[in-house]
Amino acid sequence: MILQYSGAMIALTLIGFIGGGGSGVFSTISSQKSGADIRSDLFKKVQTLTFRNIDELETGQIITRLTNDVVQIQQFFNMLLRMMIRAPFMMLGSVVLTFYVSIRYGTILV
């Protein structure tokens, strides 16, 4: 019985590890692509500014907006996607485990 449960725990840990890694990879790819789209749109917008607008804005301010702000959006998007993928699986696993331990506790949880 100990070998059976430990094997199941190892299998579930490996599945969680693979799922977490896949979640990280896909959320990183998605956030990088969205950041590239935002940078492209910002570049197109800067190209349409008049010389007066460019003279009023400092060069450092434009560069900061094009780099730091986009990086902040990418990081937020990356974390949001990871949480949106992991949270439902954690909730489902918790409910299943609670029903496995006690049907009464499971119904209270639901």
PDB file of N, CA and C in Angstrom:
ATOM      1  N   MET A   1       0.826  -1.184   0.000  1.00  0.00           N
ATOM      2  CA  MET A   1       0.000   0.000   0.000  1.00  0.00           C
ATOM      3  C   MET A   1       0.879   1.259   0.000  1.00  0.00           C
ATOM      4  N   ILE A   2       1.991   1.217   0.746  1.00  0.00           N
ATOM      5  CA  ILE A   2       2.893   2.366   0.782  1.00  0.00           C
ATOM      6  C   ILE A   2       3.487   2.613  -0.598  1.00  0.00           C
ATOM      7  N   LEU A   3       3.891   1.550  -1.276  1.00  0.00           N
ATOM      8  CA  LEU A   3       4.457   1.695  -2.621  1.00  0.00           C
ATOM      9  C   LEU A   3       3.414   2.225  -3.606  1.00  0.00           C
ATOM     10  N   GLN A   4       2.181   1.779  -3.445  1.00  0.00           N
ATOM     11  CA  GLN A   4       1.118   2.229  -4.349  1.00  0.00           C
ATOM     12  C   GLN A   4       0.864   3.733  -4.168  1.00  0.00           C
ATOM     13  N   TYR A   5       0.715   4.185  -2.932  1.00  0.00           N
ATOM     14  CA  TYR A   5       0.464   5.599  -2.688  1.00  0.00           C
ATOM     15  C   TYR A   5       1.668   6.467  -3.038  1.00  0.00           C
ATOM     16  N   SER A   6       2.853   5.974  -2.729  1.00  0.00           N
ATOM     17  CA  SER A   6       4.030   6.779  -3.074  1.00  0.00           C
ATOM     18  C   SER A   6       4.194   6.873  -4.588  1.00  0.00           C
ATOM     19  N   GLY A   7       3.891   5.796  -5.306  1.00  0.00           N
ATOM     20  CA  GLY A   7       3.935   5.847  -6.774  1.00  0.00           C
ATOM     21  C   GLY A   7       2.920   6.821  -7.326  1.00  0.00           C
ATOM     22  N   ALA A   8       1.725   6.841  -6.744  1.00  0.00           N
ATOM     23  CA  ALA A   8       0.692   7.784  -7.188  1.00  0.00           C
ATOM     24  C   ALA A   8       1.118   9.222  -6.893  1.00  0.00           C
ATOM     25  N   MET A   9       1.728   9.444  -5.724  1.00  0.00           N
ATOM     26  CA  MET A   9       2.181  10.790  -5.375  1.00  0.00           C
ATOM     27  C   MET A   9       3.291  11.252  -6.313  1.00  0.00           C
ATOM     28  N   ILE A  10       4.201  10.364  -6.646  1.00  0.00           N
ATOM     29  CA  ILE A  10       5.281  10.719  -7.574  1.00  0.00           C
ATOM     30  C   ILE A  10       4.713  11.017  -8.953  1.00  0.00           C
ATOM     31  N   ALA A  11       3.748  10.210  -9.404  1.00  0.00           N
ATOM     32  CA  ALA A  11       3.136  10.436 -10.719  1.00  0.00           C
ATOM     33  C   ALA A  11       2.417  11.781 -10.752  1.00  0.00           C
ATOM     34  N   LEU A  12       1.667  12.094  -9.701  1.00  0.00           N
ATOM     35  CA  LEU A  12       0.964  13.376  -9.660  1.00  0.00           C
ATOM     36  C   LEU A  12       1.938  14.543  -9.586  1.00  0.00           C
ATOM     37  N   THR A  13       3.039  14.361  -8.874  1.00  0.00           N
ATOM     38  CA  THR A  13       4.052  15.411  -8.807  1.00  0.00           C
ATOM     39  C   THR A  13       4.666  15.654 -10.171  1.00  0.00           C
ATOM     40  N   LEU A  14       4.950  14.590 -10.902  1.00  0.00           N
ATOM     41  CA  LEU A  14       5.515  14.740 -12.249  1.00  0.00           C
ATOM     42  C   LEU A  14       4.524  15.414 -13.194  1.00  0.00           C
ATOM     43  N   ILE A  15       3.266  15.038 -13.086  1.00  0.00           N
ATOM     44  CA  ILE A  15       2.243  15.676 -13.928  1.00  0.00           C
ATOM     45  C   ILE A  15       2.148  17.166 -13.600  1.00  0.00           C
ATOM     46  N   GLY A  16       2.170  17.496 -12.306  1.00  0.00           N
ATOM     47  CA  GLY A  16       2.138  18.896 -11.899  1.00  0.00           C
ATOM     48  C   GLY A  16       3.367  19.657 -12.368  1.00  0.00           C
ATOM     49  N   PHE A  17       4.532  19.001 -12.300  1.00  0.00           N
ATOM     50  CA  PHE A  17       5.768  19.631 -12.753  1.00  0.00           C
ATOM     51  C   PHE A  17       5.723  19.913 -14.255  1.00  0.00           C
ATOM     52  N   ILE A  18       5.271  18.950 -15.020  1.00  0.00           N
ATOM     53  CA  ILE A  18       5.174  19.122 -16.475  1.00  0.00           C
ATOM     54  C   ILE A  18       4.132  20.196 -16.816  1.00  0.00           C
ATOM     55  N   GLY A  19       3.001  20.158 -16.115  1.00  0.00           N
ATOM     56  CA  GLY A  19       1.968  21.168 -16.353  1.00  0.00           C
ATOM     57  C   GLY A  19       2.434  22.569 -15.985  1.00  0.00           C
ATOM     58  N   GLY A  20       3.141  22.686 -14.870  1.00  0.00           N
ATOM     59  CA  GLY A  20       3.662  23.994 -14.460  1.00  0.00           C
ATOM     60  C   GLY A  20       4.697  24.521 -15.435  1.00  0.00           C
ATOM     61  N   GLY A  21       5.564  23.618 -15.918  1.00  0.00           N
ATOM     62  CA  GLY A  21       6.562  24.030 -16.905  1.00  0.00           C
ATOM     63  C   GLY A  21       5.919  24.452 -18.215  1.00  0.00           C
ATOM     64  N   GLY A  22       4.941  23.678 -18.652  1.00  0.00           N
ATOM     65  CA  GLY A  22       4.226  24.035 -19.881  1.00  0.00           C
ATOM     66  C   GLY A  22       3.481  25.343 -19.739  1.00  0.00           C
ATOM     67  N   SER A  23       2.879  25.541 -18.578  1.00  0.00           N
ATOM     68  CA  SER A  23       2.184  26.802 -18.313  1.00  0.00           C
ATOM     69  C   SER A  23       3.149  27.973 -18.377  1.00  0.00           C
ATOM     70  N   GLY A  24       4.316  27.797 -17.774  1.00  0.00           N
ATOM     71  CA  GLY A  24       5.320  28.865 -17.796  1.00  0.00           C
ATOM     72  C   GLY A  24       5.811  29.176 -19.190  1.00  0.00           C
ATOM     73  N   VAL A  25       6.057  28.123 -19.973  1.00  0.00           N
ATOM     74  CA  VAL A  25       6.556  28.321 -21.339  1.00  0.00           C
ATOM     75  C   VAL A  25       5.521  29.035 -22.196  1.00  0.00           C
ATOM     76  N   PHE A  26       4.287  28.555 -22.165  1.00  0.00           N
ATOM     77  CA  PHE A  26       3.266  29.146 -23.024  1.00  0.00           C
ATOM     78  C   PHE A  26       2.891  30.562 -22.584  1.00  0.00           C
ATOM     79  N   SER A  27       2.872  30.814 -21.285  1.00  0.00           N
ATOM     80  CA  SER A  27       2.559  32.177 -20.843  1.00  0.00           C
ATOM     81  C   SER A  27       3.699  33.135 -21.192  1.00  0.00           C
ATOM     82  N   THR A  28       4.935  32.665 -21.143  1.00  0.00           N
ATOM     83  CA  THR A  28       6.072  33.509 -21.526  1.00  0.00           C
ATOM     84  C   THR A  28       6.032  33.818 -23.016  1.00  0.00           C
ATOM     85  N   ILE A  29       5.775  32.813 -23.827  1.00  0.00           N
ATOM     86  CA  ILE A  29       5.684  33.036 -25.274  1.00  0.00           C
ATOM     87  C   ILE A  29       4.564  34.027 -25.588  1.00  0.00           C
ATOM     88  N   SER A  30       3.428  33.831 -24.946  1.00  0.00           N
ATOM     89  CA  SER A  30       2.287  34.710 -25.200  1.00  0.00           C
ATOM     90  C   SER A  30       2.569  36.141 -24.766  1.00  0.00           C
ATOM     91  N   SER A  31       3.191  36.304 -23.595  1.00  0.00           N
ATOM     92  CA  SER A  31       3.471  37.668 -23.129  1.00  0.00           C
ATOM     93  C   SER A  31       4.543  38.338 -23.986  1.00  0.00           C
ATOM     94  N   GLN A  32       5.517  37.575 -24.477  1.00  0.00           N
ATOM     95  CA  GLN A  32       6.533  38.153 -25.351  1.00  0.00           C
ATOM     96  C   GLN A  32       5.923  38.618 -26.674  1.00  0.00           C
ATOM     97  N   LYS A  33       5.033  37.810 -27.224  1.00  0.00           N
ATOM     98  CA  LYS A  33       4.391  38.200 -28.481  1.00  0.00           C
ATOM     99  C   LYS A  33       3.477  39.409 -28.293  1.00  0.00           C
ATOM    100  N   SER A  34       2.766  39.453 -27.179  1.00  0.00           N
ATOM    101  CA  SER A  34       1.910  40.623 -26.941  1.00  0.00           C
ATOM    102  C   SER A  34       2.765  41.869 -26.726  1.00  0.00           C
ATOM    103  N   GLY A  35       3.916  41.721 -26.054  1.00  0.00           N
ATOM    104  CA  GLY A  35       4.831  42.854 -25.886  1.00  0.00           C
ATOM    105  C   GLY A  35       5.371  43.347 -27.212  1.00  0.00           C
ATOM    106  N   ALA A  36       5.671  42.419 -28.108  1.00  0.00           N
ATOM    107  CA  ALA A  36       6.153  42.812 -29.438  1.00  0.00           C
ATOM    108  C   ALA A  36       5.069  43.565 -30.203  1.00  0.00           C
ATOM    109  N   ASP A  37       3.827  43.130 -30.070  1.00  0.00           N
ATOM    110  CA  ASP A  37       2.721  43.828 -30.727  1.00  0.00           C
ATOM    111  C   ASP A  37       2.547  45.239 -30.158  1.00  0.00           C
ATOM    112  N   ILE A  38       2.646  45.357 -28.851  1.00  0.00           N
ATOM    113  CA  ILE A  38       2.502  46.673 -28.222  1.00  0.00           C
ATOM    114  C   ILE A  38       3.637  47.596 -28.667  1.00  0.00           C
ATOM    115  N   ARG A  39       4.863  47.071 -28.696  1.00  0.00           N
ATOM    116  CA  ARG A  39       5.996  47.889 -29.140  1.00  0.00           C
ATOM    117  C   ARG A  39       5.826  48.336 -30.592  1.00  0.00           C
ATOM    118  N   SER A  40       5.337  47.438 -31.422  1.00  0.00           N
ATOM    119  CA  SER A  40       5.115  47.788 -32.825  1.00  0.00           C
ATOM    120  C   SER A  40       4.069  48.893 -32.945  1.00  0.00           C
ATOM    121  N   ASP A  41       2.984  48.766 -32.199  1.00  0.00           N
ATOM    122  CA  ASP A  41       1.945  49.796 -32.238  1.00  0.00           C
ATOM    123  C   ASP A  41       2.466  51.131 -31.703  1.00  0.00           C
ATOM    124  N   LEU A  42       3.265  51.076 -30.633  1.00  0.00           N
ATOM    125  CA  LEU A  42       3.834  52.312 -30.085  1.00  0.00           C
ATOM    126  C   LEU A  42       4.800  52.962 -31.073  1.00  0.00           C
ATOM    127  N   PHE A  43       5.586  52.161 -31.754  1.00  0.00           N
ATOM    128  CA  PHE A  43       6.515  52.700 -32.741  1.00  0.00           C
ATOM    129  C   PHE A  43       5.756  53.396 -33.868  1.00  0.00           C
ATOM    130  N   LYS A  44       4.677  52.755 -34.327  1.00  0.00           N
ATOM    131  CA  LYS A  44       3.862  53.375 -35.374  1.00  0.00           C
ATOM    132  C   LYS A  44       3.257  54.693 -34.888  1.00  0.00           C
ATOM    133  N   LYS A  45       2.849  54.730 -33.622  1.00  0.00           N
ATOM    134  CA  LYS A  45       2.283  55.955 -33.061  1.00  0.00           C
ATOM    135  C   LYS A  45       3.339  57.055 -32.972  1.00  0.00           C
ATOM    136  N   VAL A  46       4.553  56.710 -32.545  1.00  0.00           N
ATOM    137  CA  VAL A  46       5.621  57.701 -32.445  1.00  0.00           C
ATOM    138  C   VAL A  46       5.963  58.240 -33.828  1.00  0.00           C
ATOM    139  N   GLN A  47       5.890  57.412 -34.842  1.00  0.00           N
ATOM    140  CA  GLN A  47       6.197  57.851 -36.200  1.00  0.00           C
ATOM    141  C   GLN A  47       5.179  58.866 -36.722  1.00  0.00           C
ATOM    142  N   THR A  48       3.957  58.846 -36.161  1.00  0.00           N
ATOM    143  CA  THR A  48       2.931  59.782 -36.619  1.00  0.00           C
ATOM    144  C   THR A  48       2.940  61.089 -35.843  1.00  0.00           C
ATOM    145  N   LEU A  49       3.762  61.182 -34.789  1.00  0.00           N
ATOM    146  CA  LEU A  49       3.811  62.426 -34.012  1.00  0.00           C
ATOM    147  C   LEU A  49       4.430  63.549 -34.845  1.00  0.00           C
ATOM    148  N   THR A  50       3.954  64.740 -34.575  1.00  0.00           N
ATOM    149  CA  THR A  50       4.522  65.907 -35.267  1.00  0.00           C
ATOM    150  C   THR A  50       5.848  66.282 -34.606  1.00  0.00           C
ATOM    151  N   PHE A  51       6.617  67.110 -35.285  1.00  0.00           N
ATOM    152  CA  PHE A  51       7.890  67.557 -34.719  1.00  0.00           C
ATOM    153  C   PHE A  51       7.664  68.370 -33.441  1.00  0.00           C
ATOM    154  N   ARG A  52       6.570  69.097 -33.399  1.00  0.00           N
ATOM    155  CA  ARG A  52       6.254  69.871 -32.195  1.00  0.00           C
ATOM    156  C   ARG A  52       6.045  68.930 -30.999  1.00  0.00           C
ATOM    157  N   ASN A  53       5.290  67.839 -31.209  1.00  0.00           N
ATOM    158  CA  ASN A  53       5.058  66.867 -30.130  1.00  0.00           C
ATOM    159  C   ASN A  53       6.366  66.221 -29.682  1.00  0.00           C
ATOM    160  N   ILE A  54       7.207  65.899 -30.630  1.00  0.00           N
ATOM    161  CA  ILE A  54       8.484  65.254 -30.291  1.00  0.00           C
ATOM    162  C   ILE A  54       9.381  66.224 -29.535  1.00  0.00           C
ATOM    163  N   ASP A  55       9.352  67.513 -29.917  1.00  0.00           N
ATOM    164  CA  ASP A  55      10.153  68.507 -29.201  1.00  0.00           C
ATOM    165  C   ASP A  55       9.649  68.727 -27.780  1.00  0.00           C
ATOM    166  N   GLU A  56       8.319  68.636 -27.577  1.00  0.00           N
ATOM    167  CA  GLU A  56       7.752  68.829 -26.235  1.00  0.00           C
ATOM    168  C   GLU A  56       8.092  67.658 -25.313  1.00  0.00           C
ATOM    169  N   LEU A  57       8.122  66.457 -25.861  1.00  0.00           N
ATOM    170  CA  LEU A  57       8.464  65.274 -25.065  1.00  0.00           C
ATOM    171  C   LEU A  57       9.974  65.111 -25.021  1.00  0.00           C
ATOM    172  N   GLU A  58      10.461  64.743 -23.879  1.00  0.00           N
ATOM    173  CA  GLU A  58      11.886  64.482 -23.769  1.00  0.00           C
ATOM    174  C   GLU A  58      12.193  63.123 -24.381  1.00  0.00           C
ATOM    175  N   THR A  59      13.390  62.997 -24.959  1.00  0.00           N
ATOM    176  CA  THR A  59      13.783  61.735 -25.591  1.00  0.00           C
ATOM    177  C   THR A  59      13.786  60.599 -24.578  1.00  0.00           C
ATOM    178  N   GLY A  60      14.273  60.867 -23.380  1.00  0.00           N
ATOM    179  CA  GLY A  60      14.305  59.839 -22.341  1.00  0.00           C
ATOM    180  C   GLY A  60      12.926  59.361 -21.947  1.00  0.00           C
ATOM    181  N   GLN A  61      11.979  60.275 -21.968  1.00  0.00           N
ATOM    182  CA  GLN A  61      10.604  59.913 -21.614  1.00  0.00           C
ATOM    183  C   GLN A  61      10.001  58.971 -22.657  1.00  0.00           C
ATOM    184  N   ILE A  62      10.250  59.232 -23.906  1.00  0.00           N
ATOM    185  CA  ILE A  62       9.734  58.360 -24.971  1.00  0.00           C
ATOM    186  C   ILE A  62      10.365  56.978 -24.867  1.00  0.00           C
ATOM    187  N   ILE A  63      11.674  56.942 -24.670  1.00  0.00           N
ATOM    188  CA  ILE A  63      12.369  55.653 -24.574  1.00  0.00           C
ATOM    189  C   ILE A  63      11.889  54.872 -23.359  1.00  0.00           C
ATOM    190  N   THR A  64      11.680  55.563 -22.249  1.00  0.00           N
ATOM    191  CA  THR A  64      11.186  54.901 -21.045  1.00  0.00           C
ATOM    192  C   THR A  64       9.819  54.286 -21.293  1.00  0.00           C
ATOM    193  N   ARG A  65       8.964  55.022 -21.966  1.00  0.00           N
ATOM    194  CA  ARG A  65       7.624  54.493 -22.272  1.00  0.00           C
ATOM    195  C   ARG A  65       7.708  53.278 -23.189  1.00  0.00           C
ATOM    196  N   LEU A  66       8.640  53.307 -24.124  1.00  0.00           N
ATOM    197  CA  LEU A  66       8.752  52.207 -25.077  1.00  0.00           C
ATOM    198  C   LEU A  66       9.411  50.969 -24.471  1.00  0.00           C
ATOM    199  N   THR A  67      10.141  51.117 -23.389  1.00  0.00           N
ATOM    200  CA  THR A  67      10.827  49.954 -22.811  1.00  0.00           C
ATOM    201  C   THR A  67      10.223  49.534 -21.476  1.00  0.00           C
ATOM    202  N   ASN A  68      10.361  50.359 -20.465  1.00  0.00           N
ATOM    203  CA  ASN A  68       9.961  49.959 -19.113  1.00  0.00           C
ATOM    204  C   ASN A  68       8.473  49.670 -18.981  1.00  0.00           C
ATOM    205  N   ASP A  69       7.651  50.509 -19.559  1.00  0.00           N
ATOM    206  CA  ASP A  69       6.214  50.300 -19.421  1.00  0.00           C
ATOM    207  C   ASP A  69       5.766  49.027 -20.130  1.00  0.00           C
ATOM    208  N   VAL A  70       6.337  48.753 -21.285  1.00  0.00           N
ATOM    209  CA  VAL A  70       5.974  47.533 -22.006  1.00  0.00           C
ATOM    210  C   VAL A  70       6.450  46.305 -21.232  1.00  0.00           C
ATOM    211  N   VAL A  71       7.618  46.376 -20.617  1.00  0.00           N
ATOM    212  CA  VAL A  71       8.114  45.258 -19.814  1.00  0.00           C
ATOM    213  C   VAL A  71       7.186  45.007 -18.630  1.00  0.00           C
ATOM    214  N   GLN A  72       6.704  46.065 -18.000  1.00  0.00           N
ATOM    215  CA  GLN A  72       5.764  45.914 -16.880  1.00  0.00           C
ATOM    216  C   GLN A  72       4.469  45.237 -17.345  1.00  0.00           C
ATOM    217  N   ILE A  73       3.974  45.618 -18.499  1.00  0.00           N
ATOM    218  CA  ILE A  73       2.761  44.995 -19.047  1.00  0.00           C
ATOM    219  C   ILE A  73       3.021  43.522 -19.361  1.00  0.00           C
ATOM    220  N   GLN A  74       4.188  43.216 -19.914  1.00  0.00           N
ATOM    221  CA  GLN A  74       4.537  41.826 -20.212  1.00  0.00           C
ATOM    222  C   GLN A  74       4.580  40.991 -18.947  1.00  0.00           C
ATOM    223  N   GLN A  75       5.198  41.501 -17.900  1.00  0.00           N
ATOM    224  CA  GLN A  75       5.291  40.750 -16.652  1.00  0.00           C
ATOM    225  C   GLN A  75       3.914  40.527 -16.033  1.00  0.00           C
ATOM    226  N   PHE A  76       3.069  41.550 -16.074  1.00  0.00           N
ATOM    227  CA  PHE A  76       1.711  41.400 -15.560  1.00  0.00           C
ATOM    228  C   PHE A  76       0.949  40.345 -16.350  1.00  0.00           C
ATOM    229  N   PHE A  77       1.048  40.398 -17.669  1.00  0.00           N
ATOM    230  CA  PHE A  77       0.359  39.452 -18.532  1.00  0.00           C
ATOM    231  C   PHE A  77       0.859  38.030 -18.288  1.00  0.00           C
ATOM    232  N   ASN A  78       2.163  37.876 -18.107  1.00  0.00           N
ATOM    233  CA  ASN A  78       2.760  36.568 -17.859  1.00  0.00           C
ATOM    234  C   ASN A  78       2.229  35.981 -16.550  1.00  0.00           C
ATOM    235  N   MET A  79       2.226  36.757 -15.486  1.00  0.00           N
ATOM    236  CA  MET A  79       1.736  36.268 -14.196  1.00  0.00           C
ATOM    237  C   MET A  79       0.241  35.984 -14.238  1.00  0.00           C
ATOM    238  N   LEU A  80      -0.510  36.826 -14.941  1.00  0.00           N
ATOM    239  CA  LEU A  80      -1.946  36.627 -15.050  1.00  0.00           C
ATOM    240  C   LEU A  80      -2.256  35.313 -15.759  1.00  0.00           C
ATOM    241  N   LEU A  81      -1.560  35.035 -16.844  1.00  0.00           N
ATOM    242  CA  LEU A  81      -1.796  33.789 -17.566  1.00  0.00           C
ATOM    243  C   LEU A  81      -1.431  32.574 -16.728  1.00  0.00           C
ATOM    244  N   ARG A  82      -0.328  32.653 -16.002  1.00  0.00           N
ATOM    245  CA  ARG A  82       0.054  31.528 -15.144  1.00  0.00           C
ATOM    246  C   ARG A  82      -1.002  31.252 -14.088  1.00  0.00           C
ATOM    247  N   MET A  83      -1.508  32.303 -13.472  1.00  0.00           N
ATOM    248  CA  MET A  83      -2.526  32.114 -12.446  1.00  0.00           C
ATOM    249  C   MET A  83      -3.829  31.601 -13.039  1.00  0.00           C
ATOM    250  N   MET A  84      -4.185  32.077 -14.231  1.00  0.00           N
ATOM    251  CA  MET A  84      -5.430  31.638 -14.858  1.00  0.00           C
ATOM    252  C   MET A  84      -5.359  30.176 -15.275  1.00  0.00           C
ATOM    253  N   ILE A  85      -4.167  29.668 -15.529  1.00  0.00           N
ATOM    254  CA  ILE A  85      -4.025  28.267 -15.909  1.00  0.00           C
ATOM    255  C   ILE A  85      -3.938  27.377 -14.675  1.00  0.00           C
ATOM    256  N   ARG A  86      -3.186  27.793 -13.677  1.00  0.00           N
ATOM    257  CA  ARG A  86      -2.963  26.948 -12.508  1.00  0.00           C
ATOM    258  C   ARG A  86      -4.132  26.926 -11.535  1.00  0.00           C
ATOM    259  N   ALA A  87      -4.788  28.043 -11.333  1.00  0.00           N
ATOM    260  CA  ALA A  87      -5.830  28.131 -10.306  1.00  0.00           C
ATOM    261  C   ALA A  87      -6.981  27.141 -10.517  1.00  0.00           C
ATOM    262  N   PRO A  88      -7.521  26.984 -11.728  1.00  0.00           N
ATOM    263  CA  PRO A  88      -8.608  26.009 -11.891  1.00  0.00           C
ATOM    264  C   PRO A  88      -8.167  24.573 -11.585  1.00  0.00           C
ATOM    265  N   PHE A  89      -6.942  24.220 -11.972  1.00  0.00           N
ATOM    266  CA  PHE A  89      -6.465  22.870 -11.682  1.00  0.00           C
ATOM    267  C   PHE A  89      -6.259  22.658 -10.184  1.00  0.00           C
ATOM    268  N   MET A  90      -5.761  23.673  -9.496  1.00  0.00           N
ATOM    269  CA  MET A  90      -5.597  23.571  -8.050  1.00  0.00           C
ATOM    270  C   MET A  90      -6.956  23.424  -7.362  1.00  0.00           C
ATOM    271  N   MET A  91      -7.930  24.185  -7.829  1.00  0.00           N
ATOM    272  CA  MET A  91      -9.261  24.105  -7.238  1.00  0.00           C
ATOM    273  C   MET A  91      -9.888  22.739  -7.487  1.00  0.00           C
ATOM    274  N   LEU A  92      -9.768  22.243  -8.707  1.00  0.00           N
ATOM    275  CA  LEU A  92     -10.317  20.929  -9.029  1.00  0.00           C
ATOM    276  C   LEU A  92      -9.641  19.840  -8.203  1.00  0.00           C
ATOM    277  N   GLY A  93      -8.325  19.914  -8.093  1.00  0.00           N
ATOM    278  CA  GLY A  93      -7.600  18.935  -7.286  1.00  0.00           C
ATOM    279  C   GLY A  93      -8.003  18.984  -5.824  1.00  0.00           C
ATOM    280  N   SER A  94      -8.228  20.174  -5.306  1.00  0.00           N
ATOM    281  CA  SER A  94      -8.645  20.318  -3.917  1.00  0.00           C
ATOM    282  C   SER A  94     -10.016  19.711  -3.677  1.00  0.00           C
ATOM    283  N   VAL A  95     -10.934  19.933  -4.593  1.00  0.00           N
ATOM    284  CA  VAL A  95     -12.278  19.391  -4.449  1.00  0.00           C
ATOM    285  C   VAL A  95     -12.243  17.865  -4.524  1.00  0.00           C
ATOM    286  N   VAL A  96     -11.492  17.332  -5.487  1.00  0.00           N
ATOM    287  CA  VAL A  96     -11.400  15.876  -5.621  1.00  0.00           C
ATOM    288  C   VAL A  96     -10.781  15.263  -4.378  1.00  0.00           C
ATOM    289  N   LEU A  97      -9.716  15.851  -3.874  1.00  0.00           N
ATOM    290  CA  LEU A  97      -9.061  15.322  -2.683  1.00  0.00           C
ATOM    291  C   LEU A  97      -9.967  15.427  -1.460  1.00  0.00           C
ATOM    292  N   THR A  98     -10.735  16.493  -1.355  1.00  0.00           N
ATOM    293  CA  THR A  98     -11.648  16.641  -0.231  1.00  0.00           C
ATOM    294  C   THR A  98     -12.739  15.586  -0.281  1.00  0.00           C
ATOM    295  N   PHE A  99     -13.275  15.308  -1.467  1.00  0.00           N
ATOM    296  CA  PHE A  99     -14.268  14.246  -1.586  1.00  0.00           C
ATOM    297  C   PHE A  99     -13.657  12.884  -1.312  1.00  0.00           C
ATOM    298  N   TYR A 100     -12.400  12.712  -1.653  1.00  0.00           N
ATOM    299  CA  TYR A 100     -11.723  11.445  -1.388  1.00  0.00           C
ATOM    300  C   TYR A 100     -11.564  11.225   0.111  1.00  0.00           C
ATOM    301  N   VAL A 101     -11.260  12.285   0.844  1.00  0.00           N
ATOM    302  CA  VAL A 101     -11.083  12.176   2.291  1.00  0.00           C
ATOM    303  C   VAL A 101     -12.432  11.981   2.972  1.00  0.00           C
ATOM    304  N   SER A 102     -13.407  12.802   2.606  1.00  0.00           N
ATOM    305  CA  SER A 102     -14.718  12.713   3.244  1.00  0.00           C
ATOM    306  C   SER A 102     -15.762  13.327   2.321  1.00  0.00           C
ATOM    307  N   ILE A 103     -16.791  12.565   2.044  1.00  0.00           N
ATOM    308  CA  ILE A 103     -17.859  13.066   1.182  1.00  0.00           C
ATOM    309  C   ILE A 103     -18.579  14.229   1.868  1.00  0.00           C
ATOM    310  N   ARG A 104     -18.719  14.136   3.183  1.00  0.00           N
ATOM    311  CA  ARG A 104     -19.379  15.212   3.933  1.00  0.00           C
ATOM    312  C   ARG A 104     -18.592  16.514   3.818  1.00  0.00           C
ATOM    313  N   TYR A 105     -17.274  16.462   3.998  1.00  0.00           N
ATOM    314  CA  TYR A 105     -16.441  17.664   3.871  1.00  0.00           C
ATOM    315  C   TYR A 105     -16.461  18.199   2.427  1.00  0.00           C
ATOM    316  N   GLY A 106     -16.534  17.291   1.488  1.00  0.00           N
ATOM    317  CA  GLY A 106     -16.592  17.703   0.092  1.00  0.00           C
ATOM    318  C   GLY A 106     -17.861  18.474  -0.228  1.00  0.00           C
ATOM    319  N   THR A 107     -18.977  18.000   0.305  1.00  0.00           N
ATOM    320  CA  THR A 107     -20.234  18.722   0.064  1.00  0.00           C
ATOM    321  C   THR A 107     -20.242  20.065   0.765  1.00  0.00           C
ATOM    322  N   ILE A 108     -19.602  20.148   1.927  1.00  0.00           N
ATOM    323  CA  ILE A 108     -19.490  21.444   2.613  1.00  0.00           C
ATOM    324  C   ILE A 108     -18.648  22.393   1.780  1.00  0.00           C
ATOM    325  N   LEU A 109     -17.553  21.883   1.216  1.00  0.00           N
ATOM    326  CA  LEU A 109     -16.670  22.717   0.401  1.00  0.00           C
ATOM    327  C   LEU A 109     -17.373  23.231  -0.843  1.00  0.00           C
ATOM    328  N   VAL A 110     -18.135  22.343  -1.493  1.00  0.00           N
ATOM    329  CA  VAL A 110     -18.832  22.738  -2.717  1.00  0.00           C
ATOM    330  C   VAL A 110     -19.951  23.691  -2.368  1.00  0.00           C
TER     331      VAL A 110
END
